[in-house]
């Protein structure tokens, strides 16, 4: 703050970045200077992309430079590459930005999750989906599955596509088409609670859309969709949601999927002046409204830390959803409280204003004032939308969302003599603290002849440092005598219980593309399983015994 103003750098050009910029202007005023940079010059209003193939909406484009100027921020084109928290510098493709506080809001990148499926990522795939609708109407396609694998982060668009497809066909009197929705959830849109789940179940039934719960889609083959843990669904075509992954950033702890772990104030773990919000964080639900709430929590924490008279409230997620259905509107609210009894409510009035698809306290009215379009202004429509609201308890989110892969306990069960993780794991893995330097760690790895180290802080597993992580650090040119493990480790690593079947652990490592799997029992580190050890044991068990025959 050399010139007396707090310099906040915001990396990203999506919902979280814009919400943060608006909050910084409102709460900080002239005491804050905001520099926003993003790799693209445009902000796309993506949530209405699910309506575009049906002629019910148009994805709006906004010039990001103009939005930044209106929000009181400077704007530069560029992508975040890395962060030096000690020097308080953000390295980008456009140069180096010094900062007093940095907010990482770089979002997540979609990728195909189900081989053989039409992956609906948003505006880029509306034309492909529209062509599929034409094929169905012509009678060329008789069965379609709408499916999700793990890693989607937000399942509501899947329901919107299925319900709008059913309405589209019904309005054209196209009959005999089998529509099926496949979800890892135990019940439709279970994150929103029982009332919403029952309402959506009724909508699916009325629309003639079948549903398969508790299953991940694995692969689209000839006229069928393969599921796990078992089963198939008849489907000549499959429409799938993408798997999301975060951009790799030097000097920032990230999960195996590239997401950044944050605390209750959205501060990056172990980094005092660096915050993160939106899809780039490891919070399992990837949704615009959640991103806005994270941005607000981060801004309040940034300003409070700088000494401004701002209350730093923790991030307490409230999930709101507007479901495009083609049926009469209903407004549902479900609150999950840690101490209160969950309360369900059904109403015909909007639960937020403006009632737009992206529920940002500042961003929604900001976009509405610029465009005057219903898609952003949110004038309550006469039909075709279902509004849902839920207060989330973070302990329930992992269990209720489909953001991560869960291998059922029955998968290759360790009972009945089958090999378990505990039978094969290495029971004395190298364990280090997060503040050990990379130089010291490398020496310990050499002494132990180990490839990876588990990172434990306060008795809790917080990360794993693998050869891949070390290679990234060396390629970035860091000084190993100064760089800390916490800055380069893979945070919140995928872990397994020692009683799990070895086959289940092998599935986890294969799906996540990892070679080392921490083993936890009661939250305590008890071992480390290597992929090579798991494969070697499986092959050994598959070898038929050879005898003399007598």
Protein backbone atom coordinates (compact mmCIF):
# COMPACT_ATOMS: atom_id res chain seq x y z
CA UNK A 1 0.00 0.00 0.00
CA UNK A 2 2.77 2.38 -1.01
CA UNK A 3 0.32 5.02 -2.28
CA UNK A 4 -2.09 4.53 0.59
CA UNK A 5 -4.55 2.40 -1.42
CA UNK A 6 -4.89 -1.35 -0.97
CA UNK A 7 -3.98 -3.05 -4.25
CA UNK A 8 -6.15 -6.10 -4.88
CA UNK A 9 -5.44 -8.22 -7.94
CA UNK A 10 -8.31 -10.36 -9.19
CA UNK A 11 -7.37 -13.23 -11.50
CA UNK A 12 -10.29 -14.32 -13.67
CA UNK A 13 -13.16 -12.98 -15.72
CA UNK A 14 -16.14 -14.97 -14.52
CA UNK A 15 -18.87 -14.64 -11.92
CA UNK A 16 -16.61 -14.72 -8.84
CA UNK A 17 -14.18 -12.19 -10.32
CA UNK A 18 -16.91 -9.69 -11.24
CA UNK A 19 -18.81 -10.13 -7.97
CA UNK A 20 -15.55 -9.51 -6.08
CA UNK A 21 -14.76 -6.41 -8.12
CA UNK A 22 -18.20 -4.97 -7.41
CA UNK A 23 -17.92 -5.79 -3.69
CA UNK A 24 -14.47 -4.18 -3.47
CA UNK A 25 -15.82 -1.00 -5.06
CA UNK A 26 -18.83 -0.89 -2.73
CA UNK A 27 -17.08 -1.80 0.52
CA UNK A 28 -13.62 -0.37 -0.09
CA UNK A 29 -14.30 2.68 -2.23
CA UNK A 30 -11.25 4.82 -2.96
CA UNK A 31 -9.20 3.02 -0.36
CA UNK A 32 -8.89 0.07 -2.76
CA UNK A 33 -7.40 -0.23 -6.25
CA UNK A 34 -8.56 -3.28 -8.20
CA UNK A 35 -6.66 -4.83 -11.09
CA UNK A 36 -8.57 -7.55 -12.93
CA UNK A 37 -7.00 -9.76 -15.56
CA UNK A 38 -8.46 -12.62 -17.57
CA UNK A 39 -7.45 -14.70 -20.61
CA UNK A 40 -10.51 -13.70 -22.66
CA UNK A 41 -12.02 -10.27 -23.45
CA UNK A 42 -15.63 -11.41 -22.94
CA UNK A 43 -17.96 -12.47 -20.14
CA UNK A 44 -20.61 -14.95 -21.27
CA UNK A 45 -23.90 -15.39 -19.43
CA UNK A 46 -23.66 -19.19 -19.63
CA UNK A 47 -26.55 -20.54 -17.50
CA UNK A 48 -29.15 -19.89 -20.22
CA UNK A 49 -27.15 -22.04 -22.68
CA UNK A 50 -29.41 -24.98 -21.73
CA UNK A 51 -32.39 -23.05 -23.12
CA UNK A 52 -30.76 -21.94 -26.37
CA UNK A 53 -31.22 -25.20 -28.36
CA UNK A 54 -34.94 -25.02 -27.61
CA UNK A 55 -35.30 -21.40 -28.75
CA UNK A 56 -36.05 -20.20 -25.21
CA UNK A 57 -32.99 -18.09 -24.54
CA UNK A 58 -29.89 -16.51 -26.02
CA UNK A 59 -26.48 -16.59 -24.38
CA UNK A 60 -25.45 -12.97 -23.84
CA UNK A 61 -21.91 -11.68 -24.35
CA UNK A 62 -20.54 -8.72 -22.41
CA UNK A 63 -17.27 -6.91 -23.06
CA UNK A 64 -15.16 -7.69 -20.00
CA UNK A 65 -13.16 -4.47 -20.25
CA UNK A 66 -16.36 -2.42 -20.15
CA UNK A 67 -17.71 -4.45 -17.23
CA UNK A 68 -14.45 -3.97 -15.31
CA UNK A 69 -14.51 -0.22 -15.96
CA UNK A 70 -18.11 0.00 -14.80
CA UNK A 71 -17.11 -1.94 -11.67
CA UNK A 72 -14.25 0.46 -11.01
CA UNK A 73 -11.44 -1.94 -11.91
CA UNK A 74 -8.57 -1.81 -14.38
CA UNK A 75 -8.49 -4.67 -16.88
CA UNK A 76 -5.64 -6.54 -18.57
CA UNK A 77 -5.71 -9.57 -20.85
CA UNK A 78 -3.65 -12.41 -19.44
CA UNK A 79 -3.73 -15.78 -17.68
CA UNK A 80 -2.49 -16.47 -14.16
CA UNK A 81 0.58 -18.73 -14.23
CA UNK A 82 1.87 -18.72 -10.68
CA UNK A 83 1.99 -16.95 -7.33
CA UNK A 84 4.89 -15.92 -5.11
CA UNK A 85 3.14 -15.26 -1.82
CA UNK A 86 6.33 -14.18 -0.04
CA UNK A 87 7.08 -11.47 -2.61
CA UNK A 88 3.37 -10.83 -3.16
CA UNK A 89 3.60 -11.16 -6.90
CA UNK A 90 1.28 -12.82 -9.41
CA UNK A 91 2.94 -14.09 -12.57
CA UNK A 92 0.77 -13.97 -15.70
CA UNK A 93 1.19 -14.39 -19.43
CA UNK A 94 1.15 -10.58 -19.61
CA UNK A 95 3.76 -9.94 -16.95
CA UNK A 96 4.10 -9.75 -13.17
CA UNK A 97 1.53 -8.02 -10.96
CA UNK A 98 2.48 -6.93 -7.42
CA UNK A 99 -0.37 -7.12 -4.94
CA UNK A 100 -1.39 -6.53 -1.35
CA UNK A 101 -4.04 -9.23 -1.74
CA UNK A 102 -4.75 -11.65 -4.56
CA UNK A 103 -8.07 -13.31 -5.37
CA UNK A 104 -7.81 -16.38 -7.58
CA UNK A 105 -11.06 -16.74 -9.54
CA UNK A 106 -9.81 -18.53 -12.64
CA UNK A 107 -12.71 -21.00 -12.80
CA UNK A 108 -12.50 -24.57 -14.08
CA UNK A 109 -12.08 -26.14 -17.50
CA UNK A 110 -14.63 -28.66 -18.81
CA UNK A 111 -13.55 -31.91 -20.40
CA UNK A 112 -15.34 -34.97 -21.72
CA UNK A 113 -16.08 -37.47 -18.94
CA UNK A 114 -17.98 -40.23 -20.77
CA UNK A 115 -16.45 -41.70 -23.94
CA UNK A 116 -18.91 -41.75 -26.83
CA UNK A 117 -21.27 -39.14 -25.35
CA UNK A 118 -22.21 -35.65 -26.52
CA UNK A 119 -20.64 -33.52 -23.79
CA UNK A 120 -22.72 -30.40 -23.12
CA UNK A 121 -20.30 -27.76 -21.86
CA UNK A 122 -22.41 -24.69 -22.56
CA UNK A 123 -22.63 -22.26 -25.49
CA UNK A 124 -20.03 -24.18 -27.50
CA UNK A 125 -22.32 -27.22 -27.71
CA UNK A 126 -25.78 -25.72 -28.27
CA UNK A 127 -25.63 -26.32 -32.03
CA UNK A 128 -24.63 -29.97 -31.58
CA UNK A 129 -27.50 -30.48 -29.17
CA UNK A 130 -29.91 -28.74 -31.55
CA UNK A 131 -28.87 -31.18 -34.29
CA UNK A 132 -29.59 -34.07 -31.92
CA UNK A 133 -33.09 -32.69 -31.35
CA UNK A 134 -33.61 -32.61 -35.11
CA UNK A 135 -32.52 -36.26 -35.38
CA UNK A 136 -34.99 -37.27 -32.68
CA UNK A 137 -37.87 -35.37 -34.28
CA UNK A 138 -37.09 -36.97 -37.67
CA UNK A 139 -37.36 -40.40 -36.07
CA UNK A 140 -33.67 -41.27 -36.48
CA UNK A 141 -33.09 -41.63 -32.72
CA UNK A 142 -35.41 -43.55 -30.40
CA UNK A 143 -33.60 -43.51 -27.05
CA UNK A 144 -31.51 -40.85 -25.28
CA UNK A 145 -29.79 -40.94 -21.90
CA UNK A 146 -28.83 -37.81 -19.98
CA UNK A 147 -25.96 -38.84 -17.76
CA UNK A 148 -23.27 -37.68 -15.40
CA UNK A 149 -20.03 -39.19 -14.31
CA UNK A 150 -18.13 -38.03 -11.23
CA UNK A 151 -16.54 -34.58 -11.29
CA UNK A 152 -19.47 -32.66 -12.78
CA UNK A 153 -19.86 -30.34 -9.79
CA UNK A 154 -23.36 -29.11 -10.70
CA UNK A 155 -26.09 -31.46 -11.95
CA UNK A 156 -29.05 -29.09 -12.42
CA UNK A 157 -28.34 -28.51 -16.17
CA UNK A 158 -28.73 -32.25 -16.76
CA UNK A 159 -32.31 -32.12 -15.47
CA UNK A 160 -33.02 -29.01 -17.52
CA UNK A 161 -31.85 -30.66 -20.73
CA UNK A 162 -33.90 -33.80 -20.06
CA UNK A 163 -37.11 -31.98 -19.09
CA UNK A 164 -36.91 -29.47 -21.94
CA UNK A 165 -36.24 -32.27 -24.42
CA UNK A 166 -39.37 -34.06 -23.21
CA UNK A 167 -41.43 -30.88 -23.55
CA UNK A 168 -39.90 -30.18 -26.99
CA UNK A 169 -40.93 -33.61 -28.27
CA UNK A 170 -44.38 -33.45 -26.68
CA UNK A 171 -45.10 -30.08 -28.31
CA UNK A 172 -44.30 -31.66 -31.69
CA UNK A 173 -46.31 -34.80 -30.93
CA UNK A 174 -43.23 -36.99 -31.18
CA UNK A 175 -43.93 -40.21 -29.30
CA UNK A 176 -42.15 -43.44 -28.57
CA UNK A 177 -38.80 -41.90 -27.62
CA UNK A 178 -37.24 -43.29 -24.44
CA UNK A 179 -35.64 -40.58 -22.30
CA UNK A 180 -33.62 -41.62 -19.25
CA UNK A 181 -31.70 -39.54 -16.71
CA UNK A 182 -28.76 -41.23 -14.95
CA UNK A 183 -27.38 -39.63 -11.79
CA UNK A 184 -24.98 -40.64 -8.99
CA UNK A 185 -27.43 -39.08 -6.51
CA UNK A 186 -29.67 -41.17 -4.33
CA UNK A 187 -32.62 -38.94 -5.30
CA UNK A 188 -33.18 -36.21 -7.91
CA UNK A 189 -31.39 -32.95 -7.01
CA UNK A 190 -30.83 -34.25 -3.49
CA UNK A 191 -28.66 -31.27 -2.52
CA UNK A 192 -31.84 -29.19 -2.40
CA UNK A 193 -33.58 -31.43 0.10
CA UNK A 194 -36.60 -33.70 0.15
CA UNK A 195 -39.27 -31.19 -0.94
CA UNK A 196 -37.37 -30.18 -4.07
CA UNK A 197 -36.41 -33.79 -4.78
CA UNK A 198 -40.04 -34.88 -4.65
CA UNK A 199 -41.11 -31.99 -6.87
CA UNK A 200 -38.45 -32.79 -9.47
CA UNK A 201 -39.33 -36.51 -9.33
CA UNK A 202 -42.92 -35.59 -10.12
CA UNK A 203 -41.80 -33.38 -13.02
CA UNK A 204 -39.73 -36.20 -14.47
CA UNK A 205 -42.58 -38.67 -14.12
CA UNK A 206 -45.10 -36.30 -15.71
CA UNK A 207 -42.70 -35.67 -18.59
CA UNK A 208 -42.13 -39.38 -19.14
CA UNK A 209 -38.44 -39.21 -18.28
CA UNK A 210 -37.13 -42.33 -16.57
CA UNK A 211 -34.49 -42.00 -13.88
CA UNK A 212 -31.68 -44.22 -12.64
CA UNK A 213 -30.13 -43.11 -9.34
CA UNK A 214 -27.01 -44.16 -7.49
CA UNK A 215 -25.02 -44.89 -10.66
CA UNK A 216 -22.13 -43.29 -12.53
CA UNK A 217 -22.04 -43.40 -16.30
CA UNK A 218 -18.85 -44.99 -17.62
CA UNK A 219 -19.06 -45.34 -21.39
CA UNK A 220 -21.51 -44.91 -24.27
CA UNK A 221 -21.42 -47.98 -26.50
CA UNK A 222 -23.58 -49.14 -29.39
CA UNK A 223 -27.16 -48.36 -28.29
CA UNK A 224 -26.38 -48.60 -24.56
CA UNK A 225 -24.80 -46.69 -21.70
CA UNK A 226 -22.57 -48.65 -19.33
CA UNK A 227 -22.95 -47.82 -15.63
CA UNK A 228 -20.98 -48.45 -12.48
CA UNK A 229 -21.24 -50.19 -10.06
CA UNK A 230 -23.29 -52.25 -12.51
CA UNK A 231 -25.94 -52.22 -15.22
CA UNK A 232 -26.67 -50.61 -18.56
CA UNK A 233 -29.31 -48.27 -19.98
CA UNK A 234 -30.70 -48.43 -23.52
CA UNK A 235 -29.46 -45.32 -25.31
CA UNK A 236 -28.75 -44.68 -28.97
CA UNK A 237 -27.43 -41.27 -27.94
CA UNK A 238 -25.97 -40.04 -24.64
CA UNK A 239 -25.83 -36.43 -23.47
CA UNK A 240 -23.34 -35.90 -20.64
CA UNK A 241 -22.13 -33.15 -18.39
CA UNK A 242 -18.40 -32.41 -18.48
CA UNK A 243 -15.86 -33.20 -15.82
CA UNK A 244 -14.33 -30.04 -14.35
CA UNK A 245 -10.67 -29.48 -13.58
CA UNK A 246 -8.77 -26.49 -12.30
CA UNK A 247 -5.88 -24.78 -14.06
CA UNK A 248 -2.46 -25.68 -12.63
CA UNK A 249 -0.85 -22.72 -10.85
CA UNK A 250 2.74 -22.59 -9.67
CA UNK A 251 3.21 -21.94 -5.97
CA UNK A 252 -0.41 -22.67 -5.02
CA UNK A 253 -1.58 -25.85 -3.23
CA UNK A 254 -4.10 -27.73 -5.40
CA UNK A 255 -5.95 -31.02 -5.35
CA UNK A 256 -5.33 -33.78 -7.87
CA UNK A 257 -8.13 -32.22 -9.99
CA UNK A 258 -6.46 -28.81 -9.82
CA UNK A 259 -8.79 -27.22 -7.26
CA UNK A 260 -7.57 -24.87 -4.51
CA UNK A 261 -8.46 -25.61 -0.86
CA UNK A 262 -9.64 -22.59 1.14
CA UNK A 263 -10.72 -21.88 4.71
CA UNK A 264 -14.06 -20.49 5.89
CA UNK A 265 -13.05 -17.01 4.71
CA UNK A 266 -11.92 -18.32 1.31
CA UNK A 267 -8.26 -17.78 2.15
CA UNK A 268 -5.99 -20.27 0.41
CA UNK A 269 -4.69 -22.65 3.04
CA UNK A 270 -1.23 -21.63 4.20
CA UNK A 271 -1.17 -18.34 2.24
CA UNK A 272 -2.00 -15.20 4.25
CA UNK A 273 -2.61 -12.76 1.41
CA UNK A 274 -4.02 -15.10 -1.24
CA UNK A 275 -7.71 -15.97 -1.55
CA UNK A 276 -9.79 -18.01 -3.99
CA UNK A 277 -13.44 -18.09 -5.02
CA UNK A 278 -15.62 -19.87 -7.54
CA UNK A 279 -15.09 -23.07 -9.47
CA UNK A 280 -11.32 -23.07 -8.88
CA UNK A 281 -11.85 -23.81 -5.17
CA UNK A 282 -12.19 -27.34 -3.84
CA UNK A 283 -15.76 -26.67 -2.66
CA UNK A 284 -17.64 -29.51 -4.43
CA UNK A 285 -20.56 -27.49 -5.80
CA UNK A 286 -19.58 -25.50 -8.90
CA UNK A 287 -22.33 -22.92 -9.41
CA UNK A 288 -22.55 -19.19 -10.07
CA UNK A 289 -24.47 -18.34 -6.92
CA UNK A 290 -21.98 -20.20 -4.75
CA UNK A 291 -19.12 -18.43 -6.56
CA UNK A 292 -20.70 -15.06 -5.74
CA UNK A 293 -21.01 -15.93 -2.07
CA UNK A 294 -17.41 -17.08 -1.91
CA UNK A 295 -16.29 -13.86 -3.59
CA UNK A 296 -18.15 -11.78 -1.02
CA UNK A 297 -16.62 -13.73 1.88
CA UNK A 298 -13.15 -13.32 0.39
CA UNK A 299 -13.57 -9.56 -0.15
CA UNK A 300 -14.77 -9.01 3.41
CA UNK A 301 -11.78 -10.97 4.73
CA UNK A 302 -9.34 -9.03 2.52
CA UNK A 303 -10.66 -5.65 3.66
CA UNK A 304 -10.91 -6.63 7.33
CA UNK A 305 -7.34 -7.95 7.25
CA UNK A 306 -6.21 -4.61 5.79
CA UNK A 307 -7.78 -2.76 8.72
CA UNK A 308 -10.95 -1.45 7.06
CA UNK A 309 -14.13 -1.34 9.12
CA UNK A 310 -15.67 -4.39 7.44
CA UNK A 311 -17.04 -7.46 9.19
CA UNK A 312 -15.43 -10.62 7.82
CA UNK A 313 -18.28 -13.10 7.78
CA UNK A 314 -17.47 -16.74 7.00
CA UNK A 315 -18.66 -18.42 3.83
CA UNK A 316 -21.99 -20.08 4.66
CA UNK A 317 -23.35 -21.40 1.36
CA UNK A 318 -26.98 -20.98 0.41
CA UNK A 319 -27.83 -22.88 -2.75
CA UNK A 320 -30.46 -21.36 -5.04
CA UNK A 321 -31.53 -22.94 -8.28
CA UNK A 322 -33.78 -21.91 -11.14
CA UNK A 323 -34.77 -25.05 -13.04
CA UNK A 324 -35.98 -24.57 -16.62
CA UNK A 325 -38.74 -27.16 -17.16
CA UNK A 326 -41.46 -25.95 -19.52
CA UNK A 327 -44.03 -26.40 -16.71
CA UNK A 328 -45.78 -24.08 -14.25
CA UNK A 329 -43.44 -22.21 -11.90
CA UNK A 330 -42.99 -23.23 -8.27
CA UNK A 331 -40.63 -21.75 -5.71
CA UNK A 332 -39.06 -24.18 -3.27
CA UNK A 333 -36.89 -23.46 -0.25
CA UNK A 334 -35.01 -25.93 1.88
CA UNK A 335 -32.72 -24.99 4.74
CA UNK A 336 -30.24 -27.38 6.28
CA UNK A 337 -29.06 -26.11 9.63
CA UNK A 338 -26.54 -27.72 11.93
CA UNK A 339 -28.72 -27.10 14.97
CA UNK A 340 -32.13 -26.28 13.49
CA UNK A 341 -34.70 -28.74 12.22
CA UNK A 342 -34.66 -28.72 8.39
CA UNK A 343 -37.64 -26.72 7.08
CA UNK A 344 -39.17 -27.22 3.65
CA UNK A 345 -41.28 -24.56 1.99
CA UNK A 346 -43.13 -24.35 -1.31
CA UNK A 347 -44.18 -20.91 -2.55
CA UNK A 348 -45.37 -19.18 -5.71
CA UNK A 349 -43.24 -16.08 -5.08
CA UNK A 350 -39.57 -15.54 -6.01
CA UNK A 351 -37.08 -16.33 -3.27
CA UNK A 352 -34.49 -13.79 -4.45
CA UNK A 353 -34.37 -10.65 -6.55
CA UNK A 354 -33.66 -10.20 -9.32
CA UNK A 355 -34.63 -13.87 -9.79
CA UNK A 356 -31.93 -14.55 -12.40
CA UNK A 357 -30.08 -17.79 -13.12
CA UNK A 358 -26.88 -16.43 -11.54
CA UNK A 359 -27.75 -15.30 -8.05
CA UNK A 360 -25.13 -12.68 -7.26
CA UNK A 361 -25.95 -10.06 -4.66
CA UNK A 362 -24.30 -7.36 -6.75
CA UNK A 363 -23.66 -9.01 -10.10
CA UNK A 364 -27.30 -9.86 -10.93
CA UNK A 365 -28.65 -6.29 -10.62
CA UNK A 366 -25.43 -4.96 -12.20
CA UNK A 367 -25.94 -7.05 -15.35
CA UNK A 368 -29.65 -6.26 -15.34
CA UNK A 369 -28.94 -2.54 -15.32
CA UNK A 370 -26.59 -2.91 -18.28
CA UNK A 371 -28.71 -5.18 -20.47
CA UNK A 372 -32.37 -4.81 -19.59
CA UNK A 373 -32.74 -8.39 -20.84
CA UNK A 374 -34.99 -10.85 -19.01
CA UNK A 375 -32.20 -13.42 -18.99
CA UNK A 376 -30.25 -11.19 -16.61
CA UNK A 377 -32.90 -8.87 -15.28
CA UNK A 378 -34.95 -11.82 -14.16
CA UNK A 379 -38.54 -10.65 -14.57
CA UNK A 380 -40.66 -13.52 -13.23
CA UNK A 381 -41.91 -15.53 -16.24
CA UNK A 382 -45.42 -16.88 -16.58
CA UNK A 383 -44.31 -20.50 -16.92
CA UNK A 384 -41.51 -22.92 -17.42
CA UNK A 385 -39.31 -22.37 -14.36
CA UNK A 386 -38.87 -23.92 -10.95
CA UNK A 387 -37.00 -21.98 -8.27
CA UNK A 388 -35.26 -23.81 -5.47
CA UNK A 389 -33.23 -22.61 -2.49
CA UNK A 390 -31.24 -24.58 0.09
CA UNK A 391 -28.85 -23.69 2.89
CA UNK A 392 -25.94 -26.08 2.76
CA UNK A 393 -24.07 -27.68 5.62
CA UNK A 394 -20.55 -28.28 4.31
CA UNK A 395 -20.34 -31.67 6.01
CA UNK A 396 -23.23 -32.84 3.81
CA UNK A 397 -21.97 -31.43 0.52
CA UNK A 398 -19.41 -34.14 -0.28
CA UNK A 399 -21.95 -36.82 0.50
CA UNK A 400 -24.77 -35.30 -1.51
CA UNK A 401 -22.90 -33.97 -4.54
CA UNK A 402 -21.36 -35.89 -7.43
CA UNK A 403 -18.14 -33.90 -7.45
CA UNK A 404 -15.87 -36.81 -6.55
CA UNK A 405 -15.72 -40.48 -7.36
CA UNK A 406 -16.98 -42.85 -4.71
CA UNK A 407 -16.33 -46.55 -5.18
CA UNK A 408 -19.05 -48.52 -3.36
CA UNK A 409 -17.86 -50.68 -0.46
CA UNK A 410 -19.29 -53.71 -2.26
CA UNK A 411 -17.08 -53.11 -5.31
CA UNK A 412 -14.68 -56.03 -5.34
CA UNK A 413 -15.47 -56.55 -1.67
CA UNK A 414 -12.59 -57.43 0.57
CA UNK A 415 -14.72 -60.03 2.33
CA UNK A 416 -14.45 -63.71 1.59
CA UNK A 417 -10.69 -63.80 1.16
CA UNK A 418 -10.34 -61.00 -1.42
CA UNK A 419 -7.22 -58.85 -1.07
CA UNK A 420 -7.63 -55.56 0.80
CA UNK A 421 -5.61 -52.36 0.76
CA UNK A 422 -4.30 -53.22 4.22
CA UNK A 423 -2.82 -56.44 2.88
CA UNK A 424 -0.63 -54.63 0.36
CA UNK A 425 0.02 -51.09 1.63
CA UNK A 426 3.40 -49.81 2.81
CA UNK A 427 2.99 -49.25 6.55
CA UNK A 428 5.80 -46.76 7.14
CA UNK A 429 5.45 -43.98 4.55
CA UNK A 430 7.50 -40.80 4.78
CA UNK A 431 5.49 -38.14 6.64
CA UNK A 432 6.51 -34.46 6.70
CA UNK A 433 5.06 -31.14 7.78
CA UNK A 434 3.82 -28.49 5.33
CA UNK A 435 6.57 -26.00 6.20
CA UNK A 436 9.48 -28.25 5.27
CA UNK A 437 11.52 -26.91 2.35
CA UNK A 438 11.69 -28.83 -0.92
CA UNK A 439 15.43 -29.16 -0.47
CA UNK A 440 15.06 -30.84 2.93
CA UNK A 441 12.27 -33.04 1.59
CA UNK A 442 14.34 -34.20 -1.39
CA UNK A 443 17.13 -35.26 0.95
CA UNK A 444 14.70 -37.26 3.11
CA UNK A 445 13.18 -38.91 0.04
CA UNK A 446 16.66 -39.96 -1.04
CA UNK A 447 17.52 -41.29 2.41
CA UNK A 448 14.30 -43.32 2.53
CA UNK A 449 14.46 -44.32 -1.14
CA UNK A 450 10.88 -43.08 -1.36
CA UNK A 451 9.05 -41.49 -4.27
CA UNK A 452 6.36 -39.58 -2.36
CA UNK A 453 5.79 -38.02 1.04
CA UNK A 454 2.54 -37.56 2.93
CA UNK A 455 2.02 -34.07 4.36
CA UNK A 456 0.47 -33.94 7.83
CA UNK A 457 -0.44 -30.82 9.82
CA UNK A 458 -1.77 -31.10 13.35
CA UNK A 459 -2.26 -34.83 12.95
CA UNK A 460 -4.40 -34.37 9.83
CA UNK A 461 -3.45 -35.39 6.30
CA UNK A 462 -3.42 -32.18 4.24
CA UNK A 463 -1.49 -33.22 1.16
CA UNK A 464 0.92 -35.46 -0.69
CA UNK A 465 4.14 -34.45 -2.43
CA UNK A 466 4.75 -36.58 -5.52
CA UNK A 467 7.51 -36.64 -8.17
CA UNK A 468 5.12 -34.76 -10.46
CA UNK A 469 4.83 -31.97 -7.88
CA UNK A 470 8.61 -31.75 -7.50
CA UNK A 471 9.04 -31.62 -11.27
CA UNK A 472 6.60 -28.70 -11.51
CA UNK A 473 8.49 -26.83 -8.80
CA UNK A 474 11.86 -27.37 -10.46
CA UNK A 475 10.47 -26.39 -13.87
CA UNK A 476 9.20 -23.15 -12.33
CA UNK A 477 12.74 -22.32 -11.26
CA UNK A 478 12.06 -22.05 -7.52
CA UNK A 479 14.85 -22.06 -4.96
CA UNK A 480 14.40 -25.45 -3.21
CA UNK A 481 16.03 -24.02 -0.08
CA UNK A 482 13.19 -21.50 0.25
CA UNK A 483 10.14 -23.11 -1.43
CA UNK A 484 7.88 -24.89 1.02
CA UNK A 485 6.07 -28.18 0.65
CA UNK A 486 2.68 -26.54 1.28
CA UNK A 487 3.12 -24.37 -1.83
CA UNK A 488 3.69 -27.30 -4.20
CA UNK A 489 1.95 -30.30 -2.67
CA UNK A 490 -1.19 -31.93 -4.01
CA UNK A 491 -3.73 -30.79 -1.41
CA UNK A 492 -6.67 -32.75 -0.01
CA UNK A 493 -5.44 -36.00 -1.59
CA UNK A 494 -7.74 -38.86 -2.48
CA UNK A 495 -7.45 -41.46 0.30
CA UNK A 496 -8.76 -44.92 1.11
CA UNK A 497 -9.49 -47.10 4.15
CA UNK A 498 -7.26 -50.15 4.77
CA UNK A 499 -10.33 -52.42 4.74
CA UNK A 500 -11.26 -51.36 1.19
CA UNK A 501 -10.87 -53.91 -1.56
CA UNK A 502 -7.66 -53.59 -3.51
CA UNK A 503 -9.68 -53.54 -6.73
CA UNK A 504 -11.59 -50.47 -5.48
CA UNK A 505 -8.34 -48.66 -4.72
CA UNK A 506 -7.04 -49.51 -8.18
CA UNK A 507 -10.18 -47.97 -9.73
CA UNK A 508 -9.63 -44.77 -7.74
CA UNK A 509 -5.99 -44.44 -8.79
CA UNK A 510 -6.79 -45.20 -12.43
CA UNK A 511 -9.70 -42.75 -12.63
CA UNK A 512 -7.80 -39.92 -10.93
CA UNK A 513 -4.57 -40.64 -12.78
CA UNK A 514 -2.48 -41.01 -9.60
CA UNK A 515 0.17 -43.51 -8.58
CA UNK A 516 0.12 -43.19 -4.79
CA UNK A 517 -2.91 -43.45 -2.51
CA UNK A 518 -2.75 -42.48 1.18
CA UNK A 519 -4.39 -44.96 3.53
CA UNK A 520 -6.35 -43.53 6.46
CA UNK A 521 -8.00 -45.25 9.39
CA UNK A 522 -10.11 -43.06 11.63
CA UNK A 523 -8.57 -40.01 10.00
CA UNK A 524 -5.05 -41.16 10.90
CA UNK A 525 -2.36 -42.04 8.35
CA UNK A 526 -1.62 -45.77 8.51
CA UNK A 527 0.00 -46.43 5.15
CA UNK A 528 0.54 -45.67 1.48
CA UNK A 529 -0.55 -47.76 -1.49
CA UNK A 530 1.31 -47.62 -4.79
CA UNK A 531 -0.43 -48.35 -8.09
CA UNK A 532 2.41 -50.64 -9.13
CA UNK A 533 1.95 -52.69 -5.95
CA UNK A 534 -1.79 -52.98 -6.54
CA UNK A 535 -1.33 -54.05 -10.18
CA UNK A 536 1.41 -56.51 -9.23
CA UNK A 537 -0.81 -58.15 -6.60
CA UNK A 538 -3.76 -58.37 -8.99
CA UNK A 539 -1.65 -59.98 -11.68
CA UNK A 540 -0.25 -62.43 -9.17
CA UNK A 541 -3.77 -63.47 -8.17
CA UNK A 542 -4.78 -63.88 -11.82
CA UNK A 543 -1.92 -66.27 -12.67
CA UNK A 544 -3.21 -69.83 -12.88
CA UNK A 545 -1.23 -72.35 -10.82
CA UNK A 546 0.81 -74.79 -12.87
CA UNK A 547 1.19 -78.35 -11.62
CA UNK A 548 2.16 -81.77 -12.86
CA UNK A 549 -1.42 -82.97 -13.02
CA UNK A 550 -1.15 -85.71 -10.42
